[in-house]
Amino acid sequence: MKSTNKKKTQKNKGCNTICYLLGSTTLYAVAIMTIPKIMPYISGTIYKNFVKSSNAKKIDDDWGPVIEKKK
């Protein structure tokens, strides 16, 4: 009875290794296909949000010297 349990665990180890390699390869392939397509959208969104936040922080009171007419 112990020998059958040993065979089952060896089969499970082999299946776990194969499943791990297959899953890793699949995940890698999907990442290679999708990340280049998504990257311009994500970087554009991040840039727009950064520009909005930096423009909101600027103080618009400093216009320099004011030229006035003499009366």
PDB file of N, CA and C in Angstrom:
ATOM      1  N   MET A   1       0.817  -1.182   0.000  1.00  0.00           N
ATOM      2  CA  MET A   1       0.000   0.000   0.000  1.00  0.00           C
ATOM      3  C   MET A   1       0.870   1.259   0.000  1.00  0.00           C
ATOM      4  N   LYS A   2       1.981   1.228   0.646  1.00  0.00           N
ATOM      5  CA  LYS A   2       2.849   2.395   0.678  1.00  0.00           C
ATOM      6  C   LYS A   2       3.439   2.693  -0.693  1.00  0.00           C
ATOM      7  N   SER A   3       3.677   1.663  -1.483  1.00  0.00           N
ATOM      8  CA  SER A   3       4.270   1.873  -2.796  1.00  0.00           C
ATOM      9  C   SER A   3       3.319   2.593  -3.746  1.00  0.00           C
ATOM     10  N   THR A   4       2.016   2.348  -3.633  1.00  0.00           N
ATOM     11  CA  THR A   4       1.060   3.041  -4.499  1.00  0.00           C
ATOM     12  C   THR A   4       0.976   4.521  -4.135  1.00  0.00           C
ATOM     13  N   ASN A   5       1.045   4.821  -2.866  1.00  0.00           N
ATOM     14  CA  ASN A   5       1.036   6.229  -2.458  1.00  0.00           C
ATOM     15  C   ASN A   5       2.281   6.943  -2.957  1.00  0.00           C
ATOM     16  N   LYS A   6       3.407   6.256  -2.971  1.00  0.00           N
ATOM     17  CA  LYS A   6       4.654   6.834  -3.435  1.00  0.00           C
ATOM     18  C   LYS A   6       4.579   7.136  -4.930  1.00  0.00           C
ATOM     19  N   LYS A   7       3.967   6.230  -5.687  1.00  0.00           N
ATOM     20  CA  LYS A   7       3.816   6.447  -7.125  1.00  0.00           C
ATOM     21  C   LYS A   7       2.908   7.647  -7.403  1.00  0.00           C
ATOM     22  N   LYS A   8       1.847   7.793  -6.615  1.00  0.00           N
ATOM     23  CA  LYS A   8       0.934   8.910  -6.813  1.00  0.00           C
ATOM     24  C   LYS A   8       1.614  10.244  -6.523  1.00  0.00           C
ATOM     25  N   THR A   9       2.439  10.278  -5.477  1.00  0.00           N
ATOM     26  CA  THR A   9       3.124  11.527  -5.159  1.00  0.00           C
ATOM     27  C   THR A   9       4.157  11.871  -6.223  1.00  0.00           C
ATOM     28  N   GLN A  10       4.788  10.852  -6.799  1.00  0.00           N
ATOM     29  CA  GLN A  10       5.746  11.117  -7.870  1.00  0.00           C
ATOM     30  C   GLN A  10       5.029  11.652  -9.104  1.00  0.00           C
ATOM     31  N   LYS A  11       3.836  11.124  -9.403  1.00  0.00           N
ATOM     32  CA  LYS A  11       3.058  11.629 -10.537  1.00  0.00           C
ATOM     33  C   LYS A  11       2.610  13.061 -10.273  1.00  0.00           C
ATOM     34  N   ASN A  12       2.216  13.342  -9.044  1.00  0.00           N
ATOM     35  CA  ASN A  12       1.789  14.701  -8.705  1.00  0.00           C
ATOM     36  C   ASN A  12       2.950  15.685  -8.817  1.00  0.00           C
ATOM     37  N   LYS A  13       4.143  15.276  -8.417  1.00  0.00           N
ATOM     38  CA  LYS A  13       5.302  16.148  -8.547  1.00  0.00           C
ATOM     39  C   LYS A  13       5.592  16.449 -10.015  1.00  0.00           C
ATOM     40  N   GLY A  14       5.488  15.442 -10.852  1.00  0.00           N
ATOM     41  CA  GLY A  14       5.710  15.640 -12.286  1.00  0.00           C
ATOM     42  C   GLY A  14       4.662  16.547 -12.884  1.00  0.00           C
ATOM     43  N   CYS A  15       3.419  16.356 -12.503  1.00  0.00           N
ATOM     44  CA  CYS A  15       2.329  17.200 -13.006  1.00  0.00           C
ATOM     45  C   CYS A  15       2.496  18.630 -12.497  1.00  0.00           C
ATOM     46  N   ASN A  16       2.885  18.792 -11.239  1.00  0.00           N
ATOM     47  CA  ASN A  16       3.077  20.136 -10.688  1.00  0.00           C
ATOM     48  C   ASN A  16       4.177  20.881 -11.445  1.00  0.00           C
ATOM     49  N   THR A  17       5.252  20.192 -11.754  1.00  0.00           N
ATOM     50  CA  THR A  17       6.347  20.829 -12.478  1.00  0.00           C
ATOM     51  C   THR A  17       5.924  21.213 -13.890  1.00  0.00           C
ATOM     52  N   ILE A  18       5.251  20.299 -14.570  1.00  0.00           N
ATOM     53  CA  ILE A  18       4.794  20.566 -15.933  1.00  0.00           C
ATOM     54  C   ILE A  18       3.763  21.689 -15.938  1.00  0.00           C
ATOM     55  N   CYS A  19       2.838  21.656 -14.994  1.00  0.00           N
ATOM     56  CA  CYS A  19       1.827  22.711 -14.908  1.00  0.00           C
ATOM     57  C   CYS A  19       2.468  24.057 -14.604  1.00  0.00           C
ATOM     58  N   TYR A  20       3.475  24.080 -13.752  1.00  0.00           N
ATOM     59  CA  TYR A  20       4.180  25.320 -13.430  1.00  0.00           C
ATOM     60  C   TYR A  20       4.870  25.883 -14.666  1.00  0.00           C
ATOM     61  N   LEU A  21       5.565  25.039 -15.391  1.00  0.00           N
ATOM     62  CA  LEU A  21       6.266  25.499 -16.598  1.00  0.00           C
ATOM     63  C   LEU A  21       5.282  25.969 -17.663  1.00  0.00           C
ATOM     64  N   LEU A  22       4.217  25.225 -17.846  1.00  0.00           N
ATOM     65  CA  LEU A  22       3.211  25.593 -18.835  1.00  0.00           C
ATOM     66  C   LEU A  22       2.537  26.919 -18.460  1.00  0.00           C
ATOM     67  N   GLY A  23       2.189  27.077 -17.198  1.00  0.00           N
ATOM     68  CA  GLY A  23       1.560  28.313 -16.739  1.00  0.00           C
ATOM     69  C   GLY A  23       2.491  29.508 -16.857  1.00  0.00           C
ATOM     70  N   SER A  24       3.755  29.309 -16.513  1.00  0.00           N
ATOM     71  CA  SER A  24       4.726  30.393 -16.605  1.00  0.00           C
ATOM     72  C   SER A  24       4.936  30.825 -18.048  1.00  0.00           C
ATOM     73  N   THR A  25       5.029  29.866 -18.936  1.00  0.00           N
ATOM     74  CA  THR A  25       5.211  30.167 -20.356  1.00  0.00           C
ATOM     75  C   THR A  25       4.000  30.900 -20.916  1.00  0.00           C
ATOM     76  N   THR A  26       2.821  30.468 -20.534  1.00  0.00           N
ATOM     77  CA  THR A  26       1.595  31.110 -21.000  1.00  0.00           C
ATOM     78  C   THR A  26       1.509  32.546 -20.489  1.00  0.00           C
ATOM     79  N   LEU A  27       1.811  32.744 -19.225  1.00  0.00           N
ATOM     80  CA  LEU A  27       1.778  34.080 -18.649  1.00  0.00           C
ATOM     81  C   LEU A  27       2.788  34.999 -19.327  1.00  0.00           C
ATOM     82  N   TYR A  28       3.963  34.482 -19.612  1.00  0.00           N
ATOM     83  CA  TYR A  28       5.003  35.251 -20.301  1.00  0.00           C
ATOM     84  C   TYR A  28       4.540  35.647 -21.698  1.00  0.00           C
ATOM     85  N   ALA A  29       3.936  34.718 -22.417  1.00  0.00           N
ATOM     86  CA  ALA A  29       3.469  35.004 -23.778  1.00  0.00           C
ATOM     87  C   ALA A  29       2.365  36.054 -23.775  1.00  0.00           C
ATOM     88  N   VAL A  30       1.457  35.960 -22.835  1.00  0.00           N
ATOM     89  CA  VAL A  30       0.369  36.937 -22.748  1.00  0.00           C
ATOM     90  C   VAL A  30       0.928  38.313 -22.399  1.00  0.00           C
ATOM     91  N   ALA A  31       1.897  38.353 -21.505  1.00  0.00           N
ATOM     92  CA  ALA A  31       2.507  39.632 -21.125  1.00  0.00           C
ATOM     93  C   ALA A  31       3.222  40.272 -22.305  1.00  0.00           C
ATOM     94  N   ILE A  32       3.906  39.461 -23.097  1.00  0.00           N
ATOM     95  CA  ILE A  32       4.612  39.996 -24.271  1.00  0.00           C
ATOM     96  C   ILE A  32       3.620  40.583 -25.280  1.00  0.00           C
ATOM     97  N   MET A  33       2.466  39.992 -25.384  1.00  0.00           N
ATOM     98  CA  MET A  33       1.482  40.463 -26.358  1.00  0.00           C
ATOM     99  C   MET A  33       0.730  41.702 -25.873  1.00  0.00           C
ATOM    100  N   THR A  34       0.420  41.786 -24.577  1.00  0.00           N
ATOM    101  CA  THR A  34      -0.467  42.847 -24.108  1.00  0.00           C
ATOM    102  C   THR A  34       0.257  44.093 -23.608  1.00  0.00           C
ATOM    103  N   ILE A  35       1.391  43.952 -22.966  1.00  0.00           N
ATOM    104  CA  ILE A  35       2.055  45.117 -22.361  1.00  0.00           C
ATOM    105  C   ILE A  35       2.438  46.173 -23.396  1.00  0.00           C
ATOM    106  N   PRO A  36       2.995  45.825 -24.559  1.00  0.00           N
ATOM    107  CA  PRO A  36       3.305  46.883 -25.537  1.00  0.00           C
ATOM    108  C   PRO A  36       2.073  47.628 -26.042  1.00  0.00           C
ATOM    109  N   LYS A  37       0.931  46.964 -26.090  1.00  0.00           N
ATOM    110  CA  LYS A  37      -0.285  47.622 -26.549  1.00  0.00           C
ATOM    111  C   LYS A  37      -0.863  48.549 -25.479  1.00  0.00           C
ATOM    112  N   ILE A  38      -0.712  48.187 -24.216  1.00  0.00           N
ATOM    113  CA  ILE A  38      -1.288  48.950 -23.119  1.00  0.00           C
ATOM    114  C   ILE A  38      -0.387  50.106 -22.697  1.00  0.00           C
ATOM    115  N   MET A  39       0.900  49.985 -22.891  1.00  0.00           N
ATOM    116  CA  MET A  39       1.869  50.946 -22.373  1.00  0.00           C
ATOM    117  C   MET A  39       1.638  52.388 -22.836  1.00  0.00           C
ATOM    118  N   PRO A  40       1.370  52.682 -24.112  1.00  0.00           N
ATOM    119  CA  PRO A  40       1.143  54.083 -24.498  1.00  0.00           C
ATOM    120  C   PRO A  40      -0.074  54.692 -23.798  1.00  0.00           C
ATOM    121  N   TYR A  41      -1.121  53.928 -23.623  1.00  0.00           N
ATOM    122  CA  TYR A  41      -2.319  54.428 -22.947  1.00  0.00           C
ATOM    123  C   TYR A  41      -2.018  54.755 -21.490  1.00  0.00           C
ATOM    124  N   ILE A  42      -1.336  53.855 -20.809  1.00  0.00           N
ATOM    125  CA  ILE A  42      -1.031  54.055 -19.396  1.00  0.00           C
ATOM    126  C   ILE A  42      -0.082  55.238 -19.206  1.00  0.00           C
ATOM    127  N   SER A  43       0.966  55.303 -20.020  1.00  0.00           N
ATOM    128  CA  SER A  43       1.927  56.397 -19.868  1.00  0.00           C
ATOM    129  C   SER A  43       1.289  57.741 -20.202  1.00  0.00           C
ATOM    130  N   GLY A  44       0.411  57.781 -21.185  1.00  0.00           N
ATOM    131  CA  GLY A  44      -0.289  59.021 -21.518  1.00  0.00           C
ATOM    132  C   GLY A  44      -1.191  59.478 -20.389  1.00  0.00           C
ATOM    133  N   THR A  45      -1.884  58.551 -19.766  1.00  0.00           N
ATOM    134  CA  THR A  45      -2.758  58.884 -18.650  1.00  0.00           C
ATOM    135  C   THR A  45      -1.960  59.405 -17.465  1.00  0.00           C
ATOM    136  N   ILE A  46      -0.854  58.753 -17.163  1.00  0.00           N
ATOM    137  CA  ILE A  46      -0.007  59.195 -16.050  1.00  0.00           C
ATOM    138  C   ILE A  46       0.548  60.594 -16.336  1.00  0.00           C
ATOM    139  N   TYR A  47       0.986  60.839 -17.559  1.00  0.00           N
ATOM    140  CA  TYR A  47       1.539  62.155 -17.924  1.00  0.00           C
ATOM    141  C   TYR A  47       0.476  63.246 -17.796  1.00  0.00           C
ATOM    142  N   LYS A  48      -0.731  62.985 -18.287  1.00  0.00           N
ATOM    143  CA  LYS A  48      -1.797  63.987 -18.202  1.00  0.00           C
ATOM    144  C   LYS A  48      -2.126  64.317 -16.752  1.00  0.00           C
ATOM    145  N   ASN A  49      -2.199  63.304 -15.903  1.00  0.00           N
ATOM    146  CA  ASN A  49      -2.489  63.553 -14.489  1.00  0.00           C
ATOM    147  C   ASN A  49      -1.362  64.325 -13.820  1.00  0.00           C
ATOM    148  N   PHE A  50      -0.125  64.044 -14.185  1.00  0.00           N
ATOM    149  CA  PHE A  50       1.016  64.770 -13.625  1.00  0.00           C
ATOM    150  C   PHE A  50       0.991  66.229 -14.034  1.00  0.00           C
ATOM    151  N   VAL A  51       0.677  66.501 -15.299  1.00  0.00           N
ATOM    152  CA  VAL A  51       0.632  67.878 -15.793  1.00  0.00           C
ATOM    153  C   VAL A  51      -0.497  68.644 -15.109  1.00  0.00           C
ATOM    154  N   LYS A  52      -1.646  68.013 -14.944  1.00  0.00           N
ATOM    155  CA  LYS A  52      -2.765  68.674 -14.272  1.00  0.00           C
ATOM    156  C   LYS A  52      -2.401  69.027 -12.839  1.00  0.00           C
ATOM    157  N   SER A  53      -1.762  68.107 -12.134  1.00  0.00           N
ATOM    158  CA  SER A  53      -1.427  68.377 -10.738  1.00  0.00           C
ATOM    159  C   SER A  53      -0.330  69.424 -10.620  1.00  0.00           C
ATOM    160  N   SER A  54       0.638  69.417 -11.525  1.00  0.00           N
ATOM    161  CA  SER A  54       1.703  70.420 -11.452  1.00  0.00           C
ATOM    162  C   SER A  54       1.188  71.801 -11.848  1.00  0.00           C
ATOM    163  N   ASN A  55       0.247  71.884 -12.782  1.00  0.00           N
ATOM    164  CA  ASN A  55      -0.334  73.174 -13.162  1.00  0.00           C
ATOM    165  C   ASN A  55      -1.219  73.726 -12.053  1.00  0.00           C
ATOM    166  N   ALA A  56      -1.862  72.865 -11.304  1.00  0.00           N
ATOM    167  CA  ALA A  56      -2.722  73.324 -10.221  1.00  0.00           C
ATOM    168  C   ALA A  56      -1.902  73.887  -9.073  1.00  0.00           C
ATOM    169  N   LYS A  57      -0.667  73.433  -8.904  1.00  0.00           N
ATOM    170  CA  LYS A  57       0.179  73.895  -7.810  1.00  0.00           C
ATOM    171  C   LYS A  57       0.828  75.248  -8.089  1.00  0.00           C
ATOM    172  N   LYS A  58       0.886  75.658  -9.341  1.00  0.00           N
ATOM    173  CA  LYS A  58       1.539  76.923  -9.692  1.00  0.00           C
ATOM    174  C   LYS A  58       0.715  78.107  -9.184  1.00  0.00           C
ATOM    175  N   ILE A  59       1.424  79.125  -8.722  1.00  0.00           N
ATOM    176  CA  ILE A  59       0.770  80.353  -8.273  1.00  0.00           C
ATOM    177  C   ILE A  59       0.794  81.330  -9.448  1.00  0.00           C
ATOM    178  N   ASP A  60      -0.349  81.881  -9.761  1.00  0.00           N
ATOM    179  CA  ASP A  60      -0.474  82.725 -10.949  1.00  0.00           C
ATOM    180  C   ASP A  60      -0.473  84.214 -10.590  1.00  0.00           C
ATOM    181  N   ASP A  61       0.062  84.580  -9.432  1.00  0.00           N
ATOM    182  CA  ASP A  61       0.041  85.973  -8.991  1.00  0.00           C
ATOM    183  C   ASP A  61       1.251  86.771  -9.448  1.00  0.00           C
ATOM    184  N   ASP A  62       2.326  86.146  -9.796  1.00  0.00           N
ATOM    185  CA  ASP A  62       3.563  86.854 -10.112  1.00  0.00           C
ATOM    186  C   ASP A  62       3.614  87.176 -11.606  1.00  0.00           C
ATOM    187  N   TRP A  63       3.143  88.368 -11.943  1.00  0.00           N
ATOM    188  CA  TRP A  63       3.147  88.787 -13.345  1.00  0.00           C
ATOM    189  C   TRP A  63       4.267  89.769 -13.645  1.00  0.00           C
ATOM    190  N   GLY A  64       5.016  90.161 -12.664  1.00  0.00           N
ATOM    191  CA  GLY A  64       6.087  91.110 -12.890  1.00  0.00           C
ATOM    192  C   GLY A  64       5.652  92.538 -12.673  1.00  0.00           C
ATOM    193  N   PRO A  65       6.458  93.510 -13.079  1.00  0.00           N
ATOM    194  CA  PRO A  65       6.118  94.921 -12.862  1.00  0.00           C
ATOM    195  C   PRO A  65       4.941  95.360 -13.734  1.00  0.00           C
ATOM    196  N   VAL A  66       4.156  96.279 -13.187  1.00  0.00           N
ATOM    197  CA  VAL A  66       2.984  96.797 -13.899  1.00  0.00           C
ATOM    198  C   VAL A  66       3.340  98.189 -14.429  1.00  0.00           C
ATOM    199  N   ILE A  67       3.064  98.431 -15.688  1.00  0.00           N
ATOM    200  CA  ILE A  67       3.327  99.730 -16.304  1.00  0.00           C
ATOM    201  C   ILE A  67       2.042 100.549 -16.219  1.00  0.00           C
ATOM    202  N   GLU A  68       2.144 101.721 -15.557  1.00  0.00           N
ATOM    203  CA  GLU A  68       0.980 102.602 -15.399  1.00  0.00           C
ATOM    204  C   GLU A  68       1.208 103.908 -16.138  1.00  0.00           C
ATOM    205  N   LYS A  69       0.147 104.456 -16.648  1.00  0.00           N
ATOM    206  CA  LYS A  69       0.231 105.738 -17.348  1.00  0.00           C
ATOM    207  C   LYS A  69       0.294 106.875 -16.340  1.00  0.00           C
ATOM    208  N   LYS A  70       1.021 107.963 -16.709  1.00  0.00           N
ATOM    209  CA  LYS A  70       1.071 109.149 -15.862  1.00  0.00           C
ATOM    210  C   LYS A  70      -0.164 109.995 -16.122  1.00  0.00           C
ATOM    211  N   LYS A  71      -0.681 110.606 -15.052  1.00  0.00           N
ATOM    212  CA  LYS A  71      -1.852 111.464 -15.202  1.00  0.00           C
ATOM    213  C   LYS A  71      -1.483 112.900 -15.341  1.00  0.00           C
TER     214      LYS A  71
END
